[in-house]
PDB file of all heavy atoms in Angstrom:
ATOM      1  N   ALA A   1     -65.946  11.378 -28.609  1.00  0.00           N
ATOM      2  CA  ALA A   1     -66.989  12.314 -28.213  1.00  0.00           C
ATOM      3  C   ALA A   1     -67.998  11.602 -27.333  1.00  0.00           C
ATOM      4  O   ALA A   1     -68.191  10.402 -27.449  1.00  0.00           O
ATOM      5  CB  ALA A   1     -67.691  12.908 -29.442  1.00  0.00           C
ATOM      6  N   GLY A   2     -68.670  12.356 -26.465  1.00  0.00           N
ATOM      7  CA  GLY A   2     -69.680  11.783 -25.596  1.00  0.00           C
ATOM      8  C   GLY A   2     -70.833  12.741 -25.381  1.00  0.00           C
ATOM      9  O   GLY A   2     -70.675  13.955 -25.506  1.00  0.00           O
ATOM     10  N   ILE A   3     -71.992  12.181 -25.041  1.00  0.00           N
ATOM     11  CA  ILE A   3     -73.187  12.981 -24.821  1.00  0.00           C
ATOM     12  C   ILE A   3     -73.954  12.415 -23.639  1.00  0.00           C
ATOM     13  O   ILE A   3     -74.028  11.204 -23.440  1.00  0.00           O
ATOM     14  CB  ILE A   3     -74.056  13.036 -26.099  1.00  0.00           C
ATOM     15  CG1 ILE A   3     -75.189  14.047 -25.957  1.00  0.00           C
ATOM     16  CG2 ILE A   3     -74.587  11.652 -26.460  1.00  0.00           C
ATOM     17  CD1 ILE A   3     -75.864  14.382 -27.290  1.00  0.00           C
ATOM     18  N   SER A   4     -74.526  13.297 -22.830  1.00  0.00           N
ATOM     19  CA  SER A   4     -75.297  12.885 -21.671  1.00  0.00           C
ATOM     20  C   SER A   4     -76.627  12.288 -22.100  1.00  0.00           C
ATOM     21  O   SER A   4     -77.060  12.403 -23.249  1.00  0.00           O
ATOM     22  CB  SER A   4     -75.534  14.079 -20.746  1.00  0.00           C
ATOM     23  OG  SER A   4     -76.306  15.074 -21.403  1.00  0.00           O
ATOM     24  N   GLY A   5     -77.297  11.634 -21.145  1.00  0.00           N
ATOM     25  CA  GLY A   5     -78.575  11.010 -21.452  1.00  0.00           C
ATOM     26  C   GLY A   5     -79.608  11.981 -21.982  1.00  0.00           C
ATOM     27  O   GLY A   5     -80.366  11.653 -22.900  1.00  0.00           O
ATOM     28  N   SER A   6     -79.652  13.167 -21.432  1.00  0.00           N
ATOM     29  CA  SER A   6     -80.609  14.178 -21.860  1.00  0.00           C
ATOM     30  C   SER A   6     -80.199  14.876 -23.149  1.00  0.00           C
ATOM     31  O   SER A   6     -81.031  15.528 -23.788  1.00  0.00           O
ATOM     32  CB  SER A   6     -80.790  15.225 -20.770  1.00  0.00           C
ATOM     33  OG  SER A   6     -79.610  15.997 -20.624  1.00  0.00           O
ATOM     34  N   GLY A   7     -78.933  14.778 -23.518  1.00  0.00           N
ATOM     35  CA  GLY A   7     -78.404  15.513 -24.647  1.00  0.00           C
ATOM     36  C   GLY A   7     -77.939  16.913 -24.310  1.00  0.00           C
ATOM     37  O   GLY A   7     -77.460  17.631 -25.191  1.00  0.00           O
ATOM     38  N   GLY A   8     -78.056  17.302 -23.047  1.00  0.00           N
ATOM     39  CA  GLY A   8     -77.727  18.664 -22.666  1.00  0.00           C
ATOM     40  C   GLY A   8     -76.248  18.947 -22.513  1.00  0.00           C
ATOM     41  O   GLY A   8     -75.856  20.120 -22.462  1.00  0.00           O
ATOM     42  N   THR A   9     -75.435  17.905 -22.414  1.00  0.00           N
ATOM     43  CA  THR A   9     -74.001  18.076 -22.233  1.00  0.00           C
ATOM     44  C   THR A   9     -73.255  17.222 -23.243  1.00  0.00           C
ATOM     45  O   THR A   9     -73.590  16.045 -23.433  1.00  0.00           O
ATOM     46  CB  THR A   9     -73.569  17.688 -20.812  1.00  0.00           C
ATOM     47  OG1 THR A   9     -74.295  18.468 -19.856  1.00  0.00           O
ATOM     48  CG2 THR A   9     -72.081  17.921 -20.616  1.00  0.00           C
ATOM     49  N   THR A  10     -72.262  17.803 -23.889  1.00  0.00           N
ATOM     50  CA  THR A  10     -71.394  17.068 -24.807  1.00  0.00           C
ATOM     51  C   THR A  10     -69.942  17.317 -24.450  1.00  0.00           C
ATOM     52  O   THR A  10     -69.586  18.386 -23.958  1.00  0.00           O
ATOM     53  CB  THR A  10     -71.636  17.466 -26.265  1.00  0.00           C
ATOM     54  OG1 THR A  10     -71.435  18.873 -26.422  1.00  0.00           O
ATOM     55  CG2 THR A  10     -73.056  17.122 -26.696  1.00  0.00           C
ATOM     56  N   ILE A  11     -69.103  16.322 -24.692  1.00  0.00           N
ATOM     57  CA  ILE A  11     -67.668  16.444 -24.485  1.00  0.00           C
ATOM     58  C   ILE A  11     -66.956  15.882 -25.709  1.00  0.00           C
ATOM     59  O   ILE A  11     -67.461  14.976 -26.372  1.00  0.00           O
ATOM     60  CB  ILE A  11     -67.191  15.726 -23.203  1.00  0.00           C
ATOM     61  CG1 ILE A  11     -67.628  14.253 -23.191  1.00  0.00           C
ATOM     62  CG2 ILE A  11     -67.718  16.447 -21.964  1.00  0.00           C
ATOM     63  CD1 ILE A  11     -67.087  13.459 -22.014  1.00  0.00           C
ATOM     64  N   TYR A  12     -65.765  16.435 -25.999  1.00  0.00           N
ATOM     65  CA  TYR A  12     -65.035  16.067 -27.198  1.00  0.00           C
ATOM     66  C   TYR A  12     -63.550  15.941 -26.914  1.00  0.00           C
ATOM     67  O   TYR A  12     -62.998  16.665 -26.080  1.00  0.00           O
ATOM     68  CB  TYR A  12     -65.206  17.119 -28.295  1.00  0.00           C
ATOM     69  CG  TYR A  12     -66.606  17.274 -28.804  1.00  0.00           C
ATOM     70  CD1 TYR A  12     -67.470  18.218 -28.260  1.00  0.00           C
ATOM     71  CD2 TYR A  12     -67.081  16.481 -29.837  1.00  0.00           C
ATOM     72  CE1 TYR A  12     -68.763  18.366 -28.726  1.00  0.00           C
ATOM     73  CE2 TYR A  12     -68.376  16.618 -30.313  1.00  0.00           C
ATOM     74  CZ  TYR A  12     -69.211  17.567 -29.755  1.00  0.00           C
ATOM     75  OH  TYR A  12     -70.499  17.704 -30.222  1.00  0.00           O
ATOM     76  N   ALA A  13     -62.913  15.027 -27.631  1.00  0.00           N
ATOM     77  CA  ALA A  13     -61.465  15.004 -27.661  1.00  0.00           C
ATOM     78  C   ALA A  13     -60.959  16.239 -28.392  1.00  0.00           C
ATOM     79  O   ALA A  13     -61.601  16.739 -29.320  1.00  0.00           O
ATOM     80  CB  ALA A  13     -60.964  13.737 -28.362  1.00  0.00           C
ATOM     81  N   ASP A  14     -59.787  16.722 -27.991  1.00  0.00           N
ATOM     82  CA  ASP A  14     -59.250  17.935 -28.600  1.00  0.00           C
ATOM     83  C   ASP A  14     -59.062  17.794 -30.113  1.00  0.00           C
ATOM     84  O   ASP A  14     -59.240  18.767 -30.855  1.00  0.00           O
ATOM     85  CB  ASP A  14     -57.916  18.302 -27.948  1.00  0.00           C
ATOM     86  CG  ASP A  14     -58.076  18.882 -26.560  1.00  0.00           C
ATOM     87  OD1 ASP A  14     -59.194  19.300 -26.203  1.00  0.00           O
ATOM     88  OD2 ASP A  14     -57.071  18.927 -25.822  1.00  0.00           O
ATOM     89  N   PHE A  15     -58.722  16.614 -30.574  1.00  0.00           N
ATOM     90  CA  PHE A  15     -58.393  16.455 -31.986  1.00  0.00           C
ATOM     91  C   PHE A  15     -59.600  16.475 -32.905  1.00  0.00           C
ATOM     92  O   PHE A  15     -59.442  16.499 -34.128  1.00  0.00           O
ATOM     93  CB  PHE A  15     -57.562  15.174 -32.210  1.00  0.00           C
ATOM     94  CG  PHE A  15     -58.181  13.916 -31.703  1.00  0.00           C
ATOM     95  CD1 PHE A  15     -59.156  13.252 -32.430  1.00  0.00           C
ATOM     96  CD2 PHE A  15     -57.778  13.369 -30.493  1.00  0.00           C
ATOM     97  CE1 PHE A  15     -59.720  12.078 -31.964  1.00  0.00           C
ATOM     98  CE2 PHE A  15     -58.332  12.191 -30.017  1.00  0.00           C
ATOM     99  CZ  PHE A  15     -59.312  11.551 -30.758  1.00  0.00           C
ATOM    100  N   VAL A  16     -60.821  16.468 -32.347  1.00  0.00           N
ATOM    101  CA  VAL A  16     -62.023  16.554 -33.178  1.00  0.00           C
ATOM    102  C   VAL A  16     -62.862  17.792 -32.883  1.00  0.00           C
ATOM    103  O   VAL A  16     -63.827  18.053 -33.621  1.00  0.00           O
ATOM    104  CB  VAL A  16     -62.907  15.302 -33.048  1.00  0.00           C
ATOM    105  CG1 VAL A  16     -62.117  14.055 -33.418  1.00  0.00           C
ATOM    106  CG2 VAL A  16     -63.494  15.181 -31.648  1.00  0.00           C
ATOM    107  N   LYS A  17     -62.517  18.542 -31.866  1.00  0.00           N
ATOM    108  CA  LYS A  17     -63.316  19.700 -31.476  1.00  0.00           C
ATOM    109  C   LYS A  17     -63.395  20.704 -32.633  1.00  0.00           C
ATOM    110  O   LYS A  17     -62.390  21.071 -33.233  1.00  0.00           O
ATOM    111  CB  LYS A  17     -62.725  20.347 -30.234  1.00  0.00           C
ATOM    112  CG  LYS A  17     -63.666  21.291 -29.518  1.00  0.00           C
ATOM    113  CD  LYS A  17     -63.107  21.686 -28.149  1.00  0.00           C
ATOM    114  CE  LYS A  17     -62.989  20.481 -27.222  1.00  0.00           C
ATOM    115  NZ  LYS A  17     -62.511  20.866 -25.867  1.00  0.00           N
ATOM    116  N   GLY A  18     -64.611  21.130 -32.941  1.00  0.00           N
ATOM    117  CA  GLY A  18     -64.825  22.035 -34.051  1.00  0.00           C
ATOM    118  C   GLY A  18     -65.073  21.353 -35.374  1.00  0.00           C
ATOM    119  O   GLY A  18     -65.489  22.015 -36.336  1.00  0.00           O
ATOM    120  N   ARG A  19     -64.822  20.035 -35.447  1.00  0.00           N
ATOM    121  CA  ARG A  19     -65.051  19.290 -36.680  1.00  0.00           C
ATOM    122  C   ARG A  19     -66.170  18.264 -36.543  1.00  0.00           C
ATOM    123  O   ARG A  19     -66.927  18.045 -37.485  1.00  0.00           O
ATOM    124  CB  ARG A  19     -63.765  18.563 -37.117  1.00  0.00           C
ATOM    125  CG  ARG A  19     -62.602  19.502 -37.402  1.00  0.00           C
ATOM    126  CD  ARG A  19     -61.439  18.739 -38.033  1.00  0.00           C
ATOM    127  NE  ARG A  19     -60.909  17.715 -37.132  1.00  0.00           N
ATOM    128  CZ  ARG A  19     -60.801  16.421 -37.440  1.00  0.00           C
ATOM    129  NH1 ARG A  19     -61.190  15.979 -38.632  1.00  0.00           N
ATOM    130  NH2 ARG A  19     -60.287  15.567 -36.565  1.00  0.00           N
ATOM    131  N   PHE A  20     -66.242  17.620 -35.380  1.00  0.00           N
ATOM    132  CA  PHE A  20     -67.241  16.581 -35.143  1.00  0.00           C
ATOM    133  C   PHE A  20     -68.326  17.109 -34.214  1.00  0.00           C
ATOM    134  O   PHE A  20     -68.064  17.932 -33.330  1.00  0.00           O
ATOM    135  CB  PHE A  20     -66.616  15.345 -34.487  1.00  0.00           C
ATOM    136  CG  PHE A  20     -65.652  14.567 -35.346  1.00  0.00           C
ATOM    137  CD1 PHE A  20     -65.230  15.034 -36.578  1.00  0.00           C
ATOM    138  CD2 PHE A  20     -65.170  13.350 -34.895  1.00  0.00           C
ATOM    139  CE1 PHE A  20     -64.341  14.306 -37.358  1.00  0.00           C
ATOM    140  CE2 PHE A  20     -64.283  12.608 -35.660  1.00  0.00           C
ATOM    141  CZ  PHE A  20     -63.868  13.088 -36.892  1.00  0.00           C
ATOM    142  N   THR A  21     -69.540  16.602 -34.390  1.00  0.00           N
ATOM    143  CA  THR A  21     -70.653  16.945 -33.520  1.00  0.00           C
ATOM    144  C   THR A  21     -71.392  15.675 -33.125  1.00  0.00           C
ATOM    145  O   THR A  21     -71.788  14.888 -33.990  1.00  0.00           O
ATOM    146  CB  THR A  21     -71.634  17.909 -34.204  1.00  0.00           C
ATOM    147  OG1 THR A  21     -70.945  19.096 -34.603  1.00  0.00           O
ATOM    148  CG2 THR A  21     -72.760  18.289 -33.244  1.00  0.00           C
ATOM    149  N   ILE A  22     -71.575  15.483 -31.824  1.00  0.00           N
ATOM    150  CA  ILE A  22     -72.371  14.371 -31.330  1.00  0.00           C
ATOM    151  C   ILE A  22     -73.748  14.903 -30.937  1.00  0.00           C
ATOM    152  O   ILE A  22     -73.864  15.982 -30.360  1.00  0.00           O
ATOM    153  CB  ILE A  22     -71.676  13.657 -30.151  1.00  0.00           C
ATOM    154  CG1 ILE A  22     -72.440  12.391 -29.753  1.00  0.00           C
ATOM    155  CG2 ILE A  22     -71.491  14.589 -28.966  1.00  0.00           C
ATOM    156  CD1 ILE A  22     -71.683  11.511 -28.764  1.00  0.00           C
ATOM    157  N   SER A  23     -74.782  14.157 -31.265  1.00  0.00           N
ATOM    158  CA  SER A  23     -76.145  14.554 -30.941  1.00  0.00           C
ATOM    159  C   SER A  23     -76.976  13.302 -30.714  1.00  0.00           C
ATOM    160  O   SER A  23     -76.537  12.189 -31.010  1.00  0.00           O
ATOM    161  CB  SER A  23     -76.753  15.417 -32.048  1.00  0.00           C
ATOM    162  OG  SER A  23     -76.828  14.700 -33.269  1.00  0.00           O
ATOM    163  N   ARG A  24     -78.180  13.479 -30.185  1.00  0.00           N
ATOM    164  CA  ARG A  24     -79.039  12.321 -29.975  1.00  0.00           C
ATOM    165  C   ARG A  24     -80.494  12.680 -30.187  1.00  0.00           C
ATOM    166  O   ARG A  24     -80.924  13.823 -29.986  1.00  0.00           O
ATOM    167  CB  ARG A  24     -78.818  11.708 -28.586  1.00  0.00           C
ATOM    168  CG  ARG A  24     -79.261  12.555 -27.412  1.00  0.00           C
ATOM    169  CD  ARG A  24     -78.759  11.939 -26.098  1.00  0.00           C
ATOM    170  NE  ARG A  24     -79.266  10.602 -25.877  1.00  0.00           N
ATOM    171  CZ  ARG A  24     -78.683   9.686 -25.101  1.00  0.00           C
ATOM    172  NH1 ARG A  24     -77.540   9.980 -24.471  1.00  0.00           N
ATOM    173  NH2 ARG A  24     -79.229   8.487 -24.951  1.00  0.00           N
ATOM    174  N   ASP A  25     -81.247  11.672 -30.599  1.00  0.00           N
ATOM    175  CA  ASP A  25     -82.682  11.772 -30.763  1.00  0.00           C
ATOM    176  C   ASP A  25     -83.272  10.653 -29.918  1.00  0.00           C
ATOM    177  O   ASP A  25     -83.334   9.499 -30.347  1.00  0.00           O
ATOM    178  CB  ASP A  25     -83.075  11.625 -32.227  1.00  0.00           C
ATOM    179  CG  ASP A  25     -84.562  11.806 -32.461  1.00  0.00           C
ATOM    180  OD1 ASP A  25     -85.344  11.760 -31.492  1.00  0.00           O
ATOM    181  OD2 ASP A  25     -84.949  11.994 -33.635  1.00  0.00           O
ATOM    182  N   ASN A  26     -83.686  10.989 -28.709  1.00  0.00           N
ATOM    183  CA  ASN A  26     -84.146   9.955 -27.785  1.00  0.00           C
ATOM    184  C   ASN A  26     -85.460   9.313 -28.230  1.00  0.00           C
ATOM    185  O   ASN A  26     -85.744   8.175 -27.857  1.00  0.00           O
ATOM    186  CB  ASN A  26     -84.280  10.526 -26.375  1.00  0.00           C
ATOM    187  CG  ASN A  26     -82.930  10.720 -25.714  1.00  0.00           C
ATOM    188  OD1 ASN A  26     -81.922  10.209 -26.186  1.00  0.00           O
ATOM    189  ND2 ASN A  26     -82.908  11.472 -24.619  1.00  0.00           N
ATOM    190  N   ALA A  27     -86.259  10.026 -29.025  1.00  0.00           N
ATOM    191  CA  ALA A  27     -87.477   9.428 -29.565  1.00  0.00           C
ATOM    192  C   ALA A  27     -87.159   8.273 -30.498  1.00  0.00           C
ATOM    193  O   ALA A  27     -87.975   7.359 -30.665  1.00  0.00           O
ATOM    194  CB  ALA A  27     -88.316  10.477 -30.283  1.00  0.00           C
ATOM    195  N   LYS A  28     -85.982   8.301 -31.120  1.00  0.00           N
ATOM    196  CA  LYS A  28     -85.547   7.234 -32.014  1.00  0.00           C
ATOM    197  C   LYS A  28     -84.503   6.325 -31.379  1.00  0.00           C
ATOM    198  O   LYS A  28     -83.990   5.425 -32.052  1.00  0.00           O
ATOM    199  CB  LYS A  28     -84.979   7.824 -33.309  1.00  0.00           C
ATOM    200  CG  LYS A  28     -85.977   8.624 -34.119  1.00  0.00           C
ATOM    201  CD  LYS A  28     -85.339   9.173 -35.385  1.00  0.00           C
ATOM    202  CE  LYS A  28     -86.335   9.946 -36.222  1.00  0.00           C
ATOM    203  NZ  LYS A  28     -85.718  10.500 -37.449  1.00  0.00           N
ATOM    204  N   ASN A  29     -84.186   6.546 -30.115  1.00  0.00           N
ATOM    205  CA  ASN A  29     -83.156   5.766 -29.418  1.00  0.00           C
ATOM    206  C   ASN A  29     -81.840   5.751 -30.198  1.00  0.00           C
ATOM    207  O   ASN A  29     -81.162   4.721 -30.282  1.00  0.00           O
ATOM    208  CB  ASN A  29     -83.627   4.336 -29.170  1.00  0.00           C
ATOM    209  CG  ASN A  29     -84.698   4.242 -28.108  1.00  0.00           C
ATOM    210  OD1 ASN A  29     -85.057   5.222 -27.462  1.00  0.00           O
ATOM    211  ND2 ASN A  29     -85.223   3.039 -27.913  1.00  0.00           N
ATOM    212  N   THR A  30     -81.469   6.890 -30.756  1.00  0.00           N
ATOM    213  CA  THR A  30     -80.332   6.952 -31.663  1.00  0.00           C
ATOM    214  C   THR A  30     -79.411   8.113 -31.304  1.00  0.00           C
ATOM    215  O   THR A  30     -79.878   9.204 -30.980  1.00  0.00           O
ATOM    216  CB  THR A  30     -80.800   7.096 -33.122  1.00  0.00           C
ATOM    217  OG1 THR A  30     -81.647   5.988 -33.450  1.00  0.00           O
ATOM    218  CG2 THR A  30     -79.615   7.116 -34.068  1.00  0.00           C
ATOM    219  N   VAL A  31     -78.112   7.856 -31.373  1.00  0.00           N
ATOM    220  CA  VAL A  31     -77.078   8.864 -31.220  1.00  0.00           C
ATOM    221  C   VAL A  31     -76.310   8.968 -32.528  1.00  0.00           C
ATOM    222  O   VAL A  31     -76.039   7.956 -33.182  1.00  0.00           O
ATOM    223  CB  VAL A  31     -76.139   8.521 -30.050  1.00  0.00           C
ATOM    224  CG1 VAL A  31     -74.926   9.448 -30.032  1.00  0.00           C
ATOM    225  CG2 VAL A  31     -76.890   8.625 -28.733  1.00  0.00           C
ATOM    226  N   TYR A  32     -75.940  10.181 -32.900  1.00  0.00           N
ATOM    227  CA  TYR A  32     -75.257  10.438 -34.159  1.00  0.00           C
ATOM    228  C   TYR A  32     -73.888  11.043 -33.903  1.00  0.00           C
ATOM    229  O   TYR A  32     -73.680  11.769 -32.932  1.00  0.00           O
ATOM    230  CB  TYR A  32     -76.057  11.410 -35.028  1.00  0.00           C
ATOM    231  CG  TYR A  32     -77.477  10.978 -35.278  1.00  0.00           C
ATOM    232  CD1 TYR A  32     -78.517  11.457 -34.495  1.00  0.00           C
ATOM    233  CD2 TYR A  32     -77.778  10.089 -36.302  1.00  0.00           C
ATOM    234  CE1 TYR A  32     -79.826  11.059 -34.714  1.00  0.00           C
ATOM    235  CE2 TYR A  32     -79.082   9.685 -36.531  1.00  0.00           C
ATOM    236  CZ  TYR A  32     -80.106  10.177 -35.736  1.00  0.00           C
ATOM    237  OH  TYR A  32     -81.399   9.779 -35.959  1.00  0.00           O
ATOM    238  N   LEU A  33     -72.969  10.760 -34.804  1.00  0.00           N
ATOM    239  CA  LEU A  33     -71.689  11.441 -34.839  1.00  0.00           C
ATOM    240  C   LEU A  33     -71.517  12.020 -36.238  1.00  0.00           C
ATOM    241  O   LEU A  33     -71.290  11.274 -37.196  1.00  0.00           O
ATOM    242  CB  LEU A  33     -70.532  10.497 -34.504  1.00  0.00           C
ATOM    243  CG  LEU A  33     -69.153  11.161 -34.444  1.00  0.00           C
ATOM    244  CD1 LEU A  33     -69.080  12.144 -33.274  1.00  0.00           C
ATOM    245  CD2 LEU A  33     -68.043  10.124 -34.329  1.00  0.00           C
ATOM    246  N   GLN A  34     -71.665  13.328 -36.348  1.00  0.00           N
ATOM    247  CA  GLN A  34     -71.446  14.025 -37.608  1.00  0.00           C
ATOM    248  C   GLN A  34     -69.979  14.408 -37.696  1.00  0.00           C
ATOM    249  O   GLN A  34     -69.478  15.144 -36.843  1.00  0.00           O
ATOM    250  CB  GLN A  34     -72.327  15.268 -37.692  1.00  0.00           C
ATOM    251  CG  GLN A  34     -72.136  16.084 -38.961  1.00  0.00           C
ATOM    252  CD  GLN A  34     -72.603  15.356 -40.198  1.00  0.00           C
ATOM    253  OE1 GLN A  34     -73.689  14.779 -40.208  1.00  0.00           O
ATOM    254  NE2 GLN A  34     -71.793  15.359 -41.240  1.00  0.00           N
ATOM    255  N   MET A  35     -69.295  13.920 -38.715  1.00  0.00           N
ATOM    256  CA  MET A  35     -67.869  14.133 -38.878  1.00  0.00           C
ATOM    257  C   MET A  35     -67.641  14.978 -40.121  1.00  0.00           C
ATOM    258  O   MET A  35     -67.912  14.532 -41.239  1.00  0.00           O
ATOM    259  CB  MET A  35     -67.130  12.796 -38.979  1.00  0.00           C
ATOM    260  CG  MET A  35     -67.397  11.869 -37.803  1.00  0.00           C
ATOM    261  SD  MET A  35     -66.391  10.358 -37.852  1.00  0.00           S
ATOM    262  CE  MET A  35     -67.106   9.568 -39.286  1.00  0.00           C
ATOM    263  N   ASN A  36     -67.149  16.181 -39.934  1.00  0.00           N
ATOM    264  CA  ASN A  36     -66.845  17.097 -41.019  1.00  0.00           C
ATOM    265  C   ASN A  36     -65.348  17.354 -41.079  1.00  0.00           C
ATOM    266  O   ASN A  36     -64.619  17.090 -40.134  1.00  0.00           O
ATOM    267  CB  ASN A  36     -67.584  18.425 -40.828  1.00  0.00           C
ATOM    268  CG  ASN A  36     -69.082  18.274 -40.825  1.00  0.00           C
ATOM    269  OD1 ASN A  36     -69.641  17.427 -41.514  1.00  0.00           O
ATOM    270  ND2 ASN A  36     -69.754  19.116 -40.045  1.00  0.00           N
ATOM    271  N   SER A  37     -64.895  17.896 -42.201  1.00  0.00           N
ATOM    272  CA  SER A  37     -63.487  18.231 -42.394  1.00  0.00           C
ATOM    273  C   SER A  37     -62.581  17.066 -42.033  1.00  0.00           C
ATOM    274  O   SER A  37     -61.582  17.223 -41.323  1.00  0.00           O
ATOM    275  CB  SER A  37     -63.127  19.474 -41.572  1.00  0.00           C
ATOM    276  OG  SER A  37     -63.926  20.578 -41.931  1.00  0.00           O
ATOM    277  N   LEU A  38     -62.914  15.902 -42.529  1.00  0.00           N
ATOM    278  CA  LEU A  38     -62.177  14.697 -42.172  1.00  0.00           C
ATOM    279  C   LEU A  38     -60.742  14.739 -42.676  1.00  0.00           C
ATOM    280  O   LEU A  38     -60.465  15.268 -43.755  1.00  0.00           O
ATOM    281  CB  LEU A  38     -62.894  13.470 -42.709  1.00  0.00           C
ATOM    282  CG  LEU A  38     -64.119  13.057 -41.889  1.00  0.00           C
ATOM    283  CD1 LEU A  38     -65.025  12.146 -42.702  1.00  0.00           C
ATOM    284  CD2 LEU A  38     -63.681  12.365 -40.604  1.00  0.00           C
ATOM    285  N   LYS A  39     -59.849  14.163 -41.883  1.00  0.00           N
ATOM    286  CA  LYS A  39     -58.427  14.102 -42.177  1.00  0.00           C
ATOM    287  C   LYS A  39     -57.985  12.648 -42.288  1.00  0.00           C
ATOM    288  O   LYS A  39     -58.606  11.774 -41.690  1.00  0.00           O
ATOM    289  CB  LYS A  39     -57.619  14.783 -41.070  1.00  0.00           C
ATOM    290  CG  LYS A  39     -58.029  16.207 -40.759  1.00  0.00           C
ATOM    291  CD  LYS A  39     -57.281  16.714 -39.541  1.00  0.00           C
ATOM    292  CE  LYS A  39     -57.676  18.132 -39.197  1.00  0.00           C
ATOM    293  NZ  LYS A  39     -56.953  18.614 -37.984  1.00  0.00           N
ATOM    294  N   PRO A  40     -56.905  12.372 -43.020  1.00  0.00           N
ATOM    295  CA  PRO A  40     -56.417  10.993 -43.084  1.00  0.00           C
ATOM    296  C   PRO A  40     -56.157  10.384 -41.712  1.00  0.00           C
ATOM    297  O   PRO A  40     -56.370   9.175 -41.535  1.00  0.00           O
ATOM    298  CB  PRO A  40     -55.127  11.109 -43.898  1.00  0.00           C
ATOM    299  CG  PRO A  40     -55.378  12.284 -44.790  1.00  0.00           C
ATOM    300  CD  PRO A  40     -56.165  13.257 -43.944  1.00  0.00           C
TER     301      PRO A  40
END
């Protein structure tokens, strides 16, 4: 997954779309990857 500097654009691999979410908090200089419905 990837996210633009502003956070306005995100891109995902097909195998995680709908399960993972990438986000960022620029005030904290931090990017997150929330992973749900994880598979082996």
